[in-house]
Amino acid sequence: MADYMITCDLKRPGQEYHHLIGALSRYPDSLQVLESTWLVRINATPDLVLADLEQYVDVEDQMFIAVIQTPAAWSDSLGVDRVLNFFSRR
């Protein structure tokens, strides 16, 4: 299992994230930490995660997936308890 940070920029004006957010929410261990940034714990490579999620974005959109490890830093506005809880579920 690996912890990934997934972030994306949707380029078309007015585009919504609802299909992508739905897909990310279906991962058993996921946490939305910013409007377009998620933490996901999954047993897959970054390439497989990208292949799974690409169907929910346009070809002009950008997506970045990276392994994230603790220690990490975040502002209190993210809700320290939520983020700490995500990382403690190992």
Protein backbone atom coordinates (compact mmCIF):
# COMPACT_ATOMS: atom_id res chain seq x y z
CA MET A 1 0.00 0.00 0.00
CA ALA A 2 1.14 3.51 -0.74
CA ASP A 3 -0.12 6.95 0.19
CA TYR A 4 -0.55 9.23 -2.82
CA MET A 5 -1.26 12.90 -3.20
CA ILE A 6 -3.43 13.45 -6.26
CA THR A 7 -3.94 16.97 -7.53
CA CYS A 8 -5.43 18.26 -10.77
CA ASP A 9 -6.13 21.41 -12.73
CA LEU A 10 -9.18 21.45 -14.96
CA LYS A 11 -8.61 23.77 -17.88
CA ARG A 12 -12.06 24.19 -19.46
CA PRO A 13 -14.01 27.12 -17.92
CA GLY A 14 -16.98 25.98 -15.89
CA GLN A 15 -15.83 22.38 -15.71
CA GLU A 16 -16.91 20.52 -12.59
CA TYR A 17 -15.11 17.91 -10.60
CA HIS A 18 -18.13 15.79 -9.60
CA HIS A 19 -17.22 12.69 -11.67
CA LEU A 20 -13.59 12.82 -10.59
CA ILE A 21 -14.54 13.43 -6.96
CA GLY A 22 -16.92 10.48 -7.13
CA ALA A 23 -14.15 8.24 -8.45
CA LEU A 24 -11.71 9.40 -5.77
CA SER A 25 -14.33 8.92 -3.06
CA ARG A 26 -14.79 5.30 -4.10
CA TYR A 27 -11.23 4.46 -3.07
CA PRO A 28 -11.53 2.77 0.35
CA ASP A 29 -9.01 5.15 1.97
CA SER A 30 -9.31 8.67 0.59
CA LEU A 31 -9.41 12.17 2.00
CA GLN A 32 -10.07 15.41 0.15
CA VAL A 33 -7.66 17.95 1.66
CA LEU A 34 -8.08 20.85 -0.81
CA GLU A 35 -10.57 21.59 -3.57
CA SER A 36 -8.56 19.65 -6.12
CA THR A 37 -6.14 17.69 -3.91
CA TRP A 38 -6.72 14.28 -2.37
CA LEU A 39 -4.81 11.83 -0.23
CA VAL A 40 -5.42 8.25 -1.30
CA ARG A 41 -4.06 4.99 0.10
CA ILE A 42 -4.17 2.24 -2.50
CA ASN A 43 -2.30 -0.84 -3.59
CA ALA A 44 -1.43 0.35 -7.10
CA THR A 45 1.31 2.19 -8.92
CA PRO A 46 0.92 5.88 -9.78
CA ASP A 47 0.54 4.90 -13.46
CA LEU A 48 -2.39 2.61 -12.65
CA VAL A 49 -4.07 5.27 -10.52
CA LEU A 50 -3.64 7.80 -13.33
CA ALA A 51 -5.06 5.36 -15.89
CA ASP A 52 -8.07 4.82 -13.64
CA LEU A 53 -8.75 8.53 -13.16
CA GLU A 54 -7.99 9.86 -16.66
CA GLN A 55 -11.44 8.86 -17.88
CA TYR A 56 -12.94 11.57 -15.64
CA VAL A 57 -10.93 14.51 -17.01
CA ASP A 58 -10.41 16.13 -20.41
CA VAL A 59 -7.18 15.73 -22.39
CA GLU A 60 -6.27 19.39 -21.69
CA ASP A 61 -6.54 18.88 -17.94
CA GLN A 62 -3.51 18.22 -15.80
CA MET A 63 -3.12 15.63 -13.05
CA PHE A 64 -0.17 14.97 -10.76
CA ILE A 65 0.14 11.86 -8.60
CA ALA A 66 3.00 11.43 -6.14
CA VAL A 67 3.84 9.20 -3.21
CA ILE A 68 3.53 11.14 0.02
CA GLN A 69 5.17 10.14 3.26
CA THR A 70 5.02 11.43 6.78
CA PRO A 71 6.25 13.68 8.11
CA ALA A 72 4.24 16.09 6.05
CA ALA A 73 3.14 19.64 6.79
CA TRP A 74 -0.26 21.26 6.40
CA SER A 75 -2.06 24.33 7.66
CA ASP A 76 -4.49 24.09 10.55
CA SER A 77 -7.31 25.03 8.18
CA LEU A 78 -7.11 21.51 6.71
CA GLY A 79 -8.17 20.09 10.05
CA VAL A 80 -5.20 18.55 11.78
CA ASP A 81 -7.30 15.72 13.19
CA ARG A 82 -8.56 14.66 9.76
CA VAL A 83 -5.09 14.52 8.23
CA LEU A 84 -3.48 12.85 11.25
CA ASN A 85 -6.28 10.28 11.26
CA PHE A 86 -5.63 9.50 7.60
CA PHE A 87 -1.92 8.90 8.20
CA SER A 88 -2.53 6.87 11.37
CA ARG A 89 -4.71 4.27 9.58
CA ARG A 90 -1.71 2.28 8.41
